[in-house]
């Protein structure tokens, strides 16, 4: 999945800042889904409070392209 964001960035669909944020979210998703370690609720809260707008930005960009 991280590679997909690199492809989108290299094709000018998203900028590198958003790409890096989305790649980090994939890393967190892997921890949450595969239980690599105990989920830190502070991290979950921070993602919701600080990065929900990144998901919204990505969604808007993709919706314009389809």
PDB file of N, CA and C in Angstrom:
ATOM      1  N   UNK A   1       0.819  -1.195   0.000  1.00  0.00           N
ATOM      2  CA  UNK A   1       0.000   0.000   0.000  1.00  0.00           C
ATOM      3  C   UNK A   1       0.862   1.257   0.000  1.00  0.00           C
ATOM      4  N   UNK A   2       1.985   1.207   0.721  1.00  0.00           N
ATOM      5  CA  UNK A   2       2.850   2.381   0.752  1.00  0.00           C
ATOM      6  C   UNK A   2       3.344   2.732  -0.639  1.00  0.00           C
ATOM      7  N   UNK A   3       3.607   1.719  -1.455  1.00  0.00           N
ATOM      8  CA  UNK A   3       4.069   1.955  -2.820  1.00  0.00           C
ATOM      9  C   UNK A   3       3.024   2.697  -3.643  1.00  0.00           C
ATOM     10  N   UNK A   4       1.770   2.468  -3.373  1.00  0.00           N
ATOM     11  CA  UNK A   4       0.698   3.139  -4.111  1.00  0.00           C
ATOM     12  C   UNK A   4       0.770   4.647  -3.905  1.00  0.00           C
ATOM     13  N   UNK A   5       1.071   5.080  -2.691  1.00  0.00           N
ATOM     14  CA  UNK A   5       1.180   6.512  -2.425  1.00  0.00           C
ATOM     15  C   UNK A   5       2.392   7.108  -3.137  1.00  0.00           C
ATOM     16  N   UNK A   6       3.469   6.330  -3.254  1.00  0.00           N
ATOM     17  CA  UNK A   6       4.648   6.792  -3.990  1.00  0.00           C
ATOM     18  C   UNK A   6       4.318   6.971  -5.471  1.00  0.00           C
ATOM     19  N   UNK A   7       3.540   6.061  -6.029  1.00  0.00           N
ATOM     20  CA  UNK A   7       3.127   6.166  -7.433  1.00  0.00           C
ATOM     21  C   UNK A   7       2.249   7.395  -7.625  1.00  0.00           C
ATOM     22  N   UNK A   8       1.306   7.604  -6.721  1.00  0.00           N
ATOM     23  CA  UNK A   8       0.441   8.782  -6.821  1.00  0.00           C
ATOM     24  C   UNK A   8       1.259  10.063  -6.745  1.00  0.00           C
ATOM     25  N   UNK A   9       2.242  10.086  -5.872  1.00  0.00           N
ATOM     26  CA  UNK A   9       3.098  11.258  -5.721  1.00  0.00           C
ATOM     27  C   UNK A   9       3.960  11.471  -6.964  1.00  0.00           C
ATOM     28  N   UNK A  10       4.568  10.425  -7.459  1.00  0.00           N
ATOM     29  CA  UNK A  10       5.443  10.559  -8.627  1.00  0.00           C
ATOM     30  C   UNK A  10       4.676  10.974  -9.876  1.00  0.00           C
ATOM     31  N   UNK A  11       3.372  10.728  -9.888  1.00  0.00           N
ATOM     32  CA  UNK A  11       2.527  11.145 -11.007  1.00  0.00           C
ATOM     33  C   UNK A  11       1.828  12.474 -10.756  1.00  0.00           C
ATOM     34  N   UNK A  12       2.197  13.144  -9.662  1.00  0.00           N
ATOM     35  CA  UNK A  12       1.683  14.477  -9.385  1.00  0.00           C
ATOM     36  C   UNK A  12       0.278  14.536  -8.834  1.00  0.00           C
ATOM     37  N   UNK A  13      -0.263  13.413  -8.388  1.00  0.00           N
ATOM     38  CA  UNK A  13      -1.631  13.423  -7.861  1.00  0.00           C
ATOM     39  C   UNK A  13      -1.681  13.868  -6.406  1.00  0.00           C
ATOM     40  N   UNK A  14      -0.652  13.557  -5.639  1.00  0.00           N
ATOM     41  CA  UNK A  14      -0.549  14.028  -4.260  1.00  0.00           C
ATOM     42  C   UNK A  14       0.866  14.558  -4.063  1.00  0.00           C
ATOM     43  N   UNK A  15       1.031  15.455  -3.080  1.00  0.00           N
ATOM     44  CA  UNK A  15       2.371  15.981  -2.826  1.00  0.00           C
ATOM     45  C   UNK A  15       3.123  15.067  -1.862  1.00  0.00           C
ATOM     46  N   UNK A  16       4.408  15.293  -1.743  1.00  0.00           N
ATOM     47  CA  UNK A  16       5.242  14.406  -0.925  1.00  0.00           C
ATOM     48  C   UNK A  16       4.894  14.484   0.555  1.00  0.00           C
ATOM     49  N   UNK A  17       4.443  15.638   1.013  1.00  0.00           N
ATOM     50  CA  UNK A  17       4.045  15.776   2.412  1.00  0.00           C
ATOM     51  C   UNK A  17       2.864  14.860   2.724  1.00  0.00           C
ATOM     52  N   UNK A  18       1.843  14.904   1.879  1.00  0.00           N
ATOM     53  CA  UNK A  18       0.677  14.043   2.077  1.00  0.00           C
ATOM     54  C   UNK A  18       1.070  12.581   1.904  1.00  0.00           C
ATOM     55  N   UNK A  19       1.929  12.293   0.944  1.00  0.00           N
ATOM     56  CA  UNK A  19       2.383  10.922   0.737  1.00  0.00           C
ATOM     57  C   UNK A  19       3.008  10.358   2.014  1.00  0.00           C
ATOM     58  N   UNK A  20       3.886  11.127   2.632  1.00  0.00           N
ATOM     59  CA  UNK A  20       4.558  10.656   3.848  1.00  0.00           C
ATOM     60  C   UNK A  20       3.577  10.433   4.990  1.00  0.00           C
ATOM     61  N   UNK A  21       2.597  11.308   5.122  1.00  0.00           N
ATOM     62  CA  UNK A  21       1.588  11.143   6.173  1.00  0.00           C
ATOM     63  C   UNK A  21       0.761   9.880   5.942  1.00  0.00           C
ATOM     64  N   UNK A  22       0.365   9.659   4.706  1.00  0.00           N
ATOM     65  CA  UNK A  22      -0.443   8.480   4.393  1.00  0.00           C
ATOM     66  C   UNK A  22       0.356   7.195   4.584  1.00  0.00           C
ATOM     67  N   UNK A  23       1.630   7.214   4.224  1.00  0.00           N
ATOM     68  CA  UNK A  23       2.478   6.039   4.427  1.00  0.00           C
ATOM     69  C   UNK A  23       2.611   5.722   5.915  1.00  0.00           C
ATOM     70  N   UNK A  24       2.719   6.757   6.735  1.00  0.00           N
ATOM     71  CA  UNK A  24       2.803   6.543   8.184  1.00  0.00           C
ATOM     72  C   UNK A  24       1.508   5.932   8.713  1.00  0.00           C
ATOM     73  N   UNK A  25       0.373   6.366   8.152  1.00  0.00           N
ATOM     74  CA  UNK A  25      -0.909   5.805   8.576  1.00  0.00           C
ATOM     75  C   UNK A  25      -1.002   4.328   8.230  1.00  0.00           C
ATOM     76  N   UNK A  26      -0.447   3.939   7.092  1.00  0.00           N
ATOM     77  CA  UNK A  26      -0.440   2.526   6.716  1.00  0.00           C
ATOM     78  C   UNK A  26       0.366   1.737   7.738  1.00  0.00           C
ATOM     79  N   UNK A  27       1.470   2.297   8.180  1.00  0.00           N
ATOM     80  CA  UNK A  27       2.277   1.642   9.204  1.00  0.00           C
ATOM     81  C   UNK A  27       1.491   1.434  10.480  1.00  0.00           C
ATOM     82  N   UNK A  28       0.727   2.446  10.881  1.00  0.00           N
ATOM     83  CA  UNK A  28      -0.099   2.311  12.082  1.00  0.00           C
ATOM     84  C   UNK A  28      -1.189   1.274  11.863  1.00  0.00           C
ATOM     85  N   UNK A  29      -1.778   1.282  10.687  1.00  0.00           N
ATOM     86  CA  UNK A  29      -2.823   0.302  10.378  1.00  0.00           C
ATOM     87  C   UNK A  29      -2.276  -1.113  10.513  1.00  0.00           C
ATOM     88  N   UNK A  30      -1.062  -1.326  10.051  1.00  0.00           N
ATOM     89  CA  UNK A  30      -0.457  -2.653  10.160  1.00  0.00           C
ATOM     90  C   UNK A  30      -0.311  -3.075  11.619  1.00  0.00           C
ATOM     91  N   UNK A  31       0.079  -2.140  12.462  1.00  0.00           N
ATOM     92  CA  UNK A  31       0.189  -2.432  13.895  1.00  0.00           C
ATOM     93  C   UNK A  31      -1.179  -2.785  14.459  1.00  0.00           C
ATOM     94  N   UNK A  32      -2.189  -1.984  14.107  1.00  0.00           N
ATOM     95  CA  UNK A  32      -3.532  -2.191  14.652  1.00  0.00           C
ATOM     96  C   UNK A  32      -4.137  -3.512  14.190  1.00  0.00           C
ATOM     97  N   UNK A  33      -3.990  -3.824  12.915  1.00  0.00           N
ATOM     98  CA  UNK A  33      -4.620  -5.014  12.355  1.00  0.00           C
ATOM     99  C   UNK A  33      -3.878  -6.289  12.733  1.00  0.00           C
ATOM    100  N   UNK A  34      -2.564  -6.231  12.695  1.00  0.00           N
ATOM    101  CA  UNK A  34      -1.773  -7.435  12.921  1.00  0.00           C
ATOM    102  C   UNK A  34      -1.282  -7.563  14.353  1.00  0.00           C
ATOM    103  N   UNK A  35      -1.640  -6.592  15.187  1.00  0.00           N
ATOM    104  CA  UNK A  35      -1.308  -6.614  16.611  1.00  0.00           C
ATOM    105  C   UNK A  35       0.193  -6.842  16.847  1.00  0.00           C
ATOM    106  N   UNK A  36       1.011  -6.098  16.091  1.00  0.00           N
ATOM    107  CA  UNK A  36       2.458  -6.204  16.266  1.00  0.00           C
ATOM    108  C   UNK A  36       2.875  -5.776  17.673  1.00  0.00           C
ATOM    109  N   UNK A  37       2.127  -4.874  18.217  1.00  0.00           N
ATOM    110  CA  UNK A  37       2.372  -4.408  19.578  1.00  0.00           C
ATOM    111  C   UNK A  37       1.055  -3.880  20.122  1.00  0.00           C
ATOM    112  N   UNK A  38       0.997  -3.660  21.395  1.00  0.00           N
ATOM    113  CA  UNK A  38      -0.231  -3.134  21.989  1.00  0.00           C
ATOM    114  C   UNK A  38      -0.516  -1.748  21.410  1.00  0.00           C
ATOM    115  N   UNK A  39      -1.770  -1.490  21.128  1.00  0.00           N
ATOM    116  CA  UNK A  39      -2.157  -0.201  20.562  1.00  0.00           C
ATOM    117  C   UNK A  39      -2.155   0.848  21.664  1.00  0.00           C
ATOM    118  N   UNK A  40      -1.467   1.931  21.402  1.00  0.00           N
ATOM    119  CA  UNK A  40      -1.396   3.044  22.330  1.00  0.00           C
ATOM    120  C   UNK A  40      -2.568   3.978  22.023  1.00  0.00           C
ATOM    121  N   UNK A  41      -3.495   4.102  22.966  1.00  0.00           N
ATOM    122  CA  UNK A  41      -4.689   4.920  22.725  1.00  0.00           C
ATOM    123  C   UNK A  41      -4.355   6.394  22.546  1.00  0.00           C
ATOM    124  N   UNK A  42      -3.253   6.857  23.108  1.00  0.00           N
ATOM    125  CA  UNK A  42      -2.822   8.244  22.899  1.00  0.00           C
ATOM    126  C   UNK A  42      -2.480   8.466  21.424  1.00  0.00           C
ATOM    127  N   UNK A  43      -1.852   7.467  20.811  1.00  0.00           N
ATOM    128  CA  UNK A  43      -1.513   7.576  19.392  1.00  0.00           C
ATOM    129  C   UNK A  43      -2.785   7.585  18.553  1.00  0.00           C
ATOM    130  N   UNK A  44      -3.739   6.740  18.893  1.00  0.00           N
ATOM    131  CA  UNK A  44      -5.018   6.713  18.175  1.00  0.00           C
ATOM    132  C   UNK A  44      -5.701   8.070  18.282  1.00  0.00           C
ATOM    133  N   UNK A  45      -5.730   8.633  19.478  1.00  0.00           N
ATOM    134  CA  UNK A  45      -6.347   9.940  19.692  1.00  0.00           C
ATOM    135  C   UNK A  45      -5.633  11.014  18.872  1.00  0.00           C
ATOM    136  N   UNK A  46      -4.312  10.985  18.851  1.00  0.00           N
ATOM    137  CA  UNK A  46      -3.548  11.975  18.087  1.00  0.00           C
ATOM    138  C   UNK A  46      -3.821  11.861  16.592  1.00  0.00           C
ATOM    139  N   UNK A  47      -3.910  10.650  16.098  1.00  0.00           N
ATOM    140  CA  UNK A  47      -4.211  10.456  14.676  1.00  0.00           C
ATOM    141  C   UNK A  47      -5.575  11.044  14.347  1.00  0.00           C
ATOM    142  N   UNK A  48      -6.546  10.770  15.184  1.00  0.00           N
ATOM    143  CA  UNK A  48      -7.897  11.283  14.941  1.00  0.00           C
ATOM    144  C   UNK A  48      -7.917  12.802  14.997  1.00  0.00           C
ATOM    145  N   UNK A  49      -7.265  13.370  16.003  1.00  0.00           N
ATOM    146  CA  UNK A  49      -7.305  14.818  16.191  1.00  0.00           C
ATOM    147  C   UNK A  49      -6.455  15.581  15.180  1.00  0.00           C
ATOM    148  N   UNK A  50      -5.324  15.022  14.778  1.00  0.00           N
ATOM    149  CA  UNK A  50      -4.385  15.779  13.950  1.00  0.00           C
ATOM    150  C   UNK A  50      -4.327  15.342  12.493  1.00  0.00           C
ATOM    151  N   UNK A  51      -4.778  14.145  12.182  1.00  0.00           N
ATOM    152  CA  UNK A  51      -4.563  13.644  10.829  1.00  0.00           C
ATOM    153  C   UNK A  51      -5.832  13.252  10.089  1.00  0.00           C
ATOM    154  N   UNK A  52      -6.977  13.445  10.691  1.00  0.00           N
ATOM    155  CA  UNK A  52      -8.223  13.154   9.992  1.00  0.00           C
ATOM    156  C   UNK A  52      -8.349  14.031   8.747  1.00  0.00           C
ATOM    157  N   UNK A  53      -7.834  15.247   8.826  1.00  0.00           N
ATOM    158  CA  UNK A  53      -7.879  16.150   7.674  1.00  0.00           C
ATOM    159  C   UNK A  53      -7.028  15.625   6.517  1.00  0.00           C
ATOM    160  N   UNK A  54      -5.967  14.881   6.820  1.00  0.00           N
ATOM    161  CA  UNK A  54      -5.138  14.297   5.762  1.00  0.00           C
ATOM    162  C   UNK A  54      -5.932  13.258   4.973  1.00  0.00           C
ATOM    163  N   UNK A  55      -6.710  12.469   5.673  1.00  0.00           N
ATOM    164  CA  UNK A  55      -7.549  11.466   5.009  1.00  0.00           C
ATOM    165  C   UNK A  55      -8.606  12.159   4.157  1.00  0.00           C
ATOM    166  N   UNK A  56      -9.173  13.221   4.691  1.00  0.00           N
ATOM    167  CA  UNK A  56     -10.169  13.990   3.954  1.00  0.00           C
ATOM    168  C   UNK A  56      -9.558  14.620   2.703  1.00  0.00           C
ATOM    169  N   UNK A  57      -8.358  15.185   2.835  1.00  0.00           N
ATOM    170  CA  UNK A  57      -7.664  15.785   1.689  1.00  0.00           C
ATOM    171  C   UNK A  57      -7.407  14.740   0.607  1.00  0.00           C
ATOM    172  N   UNK A  58      -6.924  13.578   1.012  1.00  0.00           N
ATOM    173  CA  UNK A  58      -6.658  12.497   0.064  1.00  0.00           C
ATOM    174  C   UNK A  58      -7.950  12.083  -0.643  1.00  0.00           C
ATOM    175  N   UNK A  59      -9.023  11.942   0.108  1.00  0.00           N
ATOM    176  CA  UNK A  59     -10.312  11.542  -0.473  1.00  0.00           C
ATOM    177  C   UNK A  59     -10.789  12.549  -1.508  1.00  0.00           C
ATOM    178  N   UNK A  60     -10.659  13.836  -1.209  1.00  0.00           N
ATOM    179  CA  UNK A  60     -11.092  14.879  -2.144  1.00  0.00           C
ATOM    180  C   UNK A  60     -10.275  14.838  -3.432  1.00  0.00           C
ATOM    181  N   UNK A  61      -8.965  14.640  -3.302  1.00  0.00           N
ATOM    182  CA  UNK A  61      -8.101  14.565  -4.483  1.00  0.00           C
ATOM    183  C   UNK A  61      -8.508  13.395  -5.366  1.00  0.00           C
ATOM    184  N   UNK A  62      -8.702  12.244  -4.760  1.00  0.00           N
ATOM    185  CA  UNK A  62      -9.060  11.047  -5.526  1.00  0.00           C
ATOM    186  C   UNK A  62     -10.440  11.192  -6.162  1.00  0.00           C
ATOM    187  N   UNK A  63     -11.390  11.752  -5.427  1.00  0.00           N
ATOM    188  CA  UNK A  63     -12.745  11.914  -5.968  1.00  0.00           C
ATOM    189  C   UNK A  63     -12.752  12.835  -7.186  1.00  0.00           C
ATOM    190  N   UNK A  64     -11.875  13.823  -7.220  1.00  0.00           N
ATOM    191  CA  UNK A  64     -11.791  14.713  -8.379  1.00  0.00           C
ATOM    192  C   UNK A  64     -11.261  13.984  -9.610  1.00  0.00           C
ATOM    193  N   UNK A  65     -10.468  12.941  -9.387  1.00  0.00           N
ATOM    194  CA  UNK A  65      -9.828  12.233 -10.496  1.00  0.00           C
ATOM    195  C   UNK A  65     -10.672  11.102 -11.066  1.00  0.00           C
ATOM    196  N   UNK A  66     -11.705  10.675 -10.324  1.00  0.00           N
ATOM    197  CA  UNK A  66     -12.510   9.566 -10.844  1.00  0.00           C
ATOM    198  C   UNK A  66     -13.852  10.033 -11.361  1.00  0.00           C
TER     199      UNK A  66
END
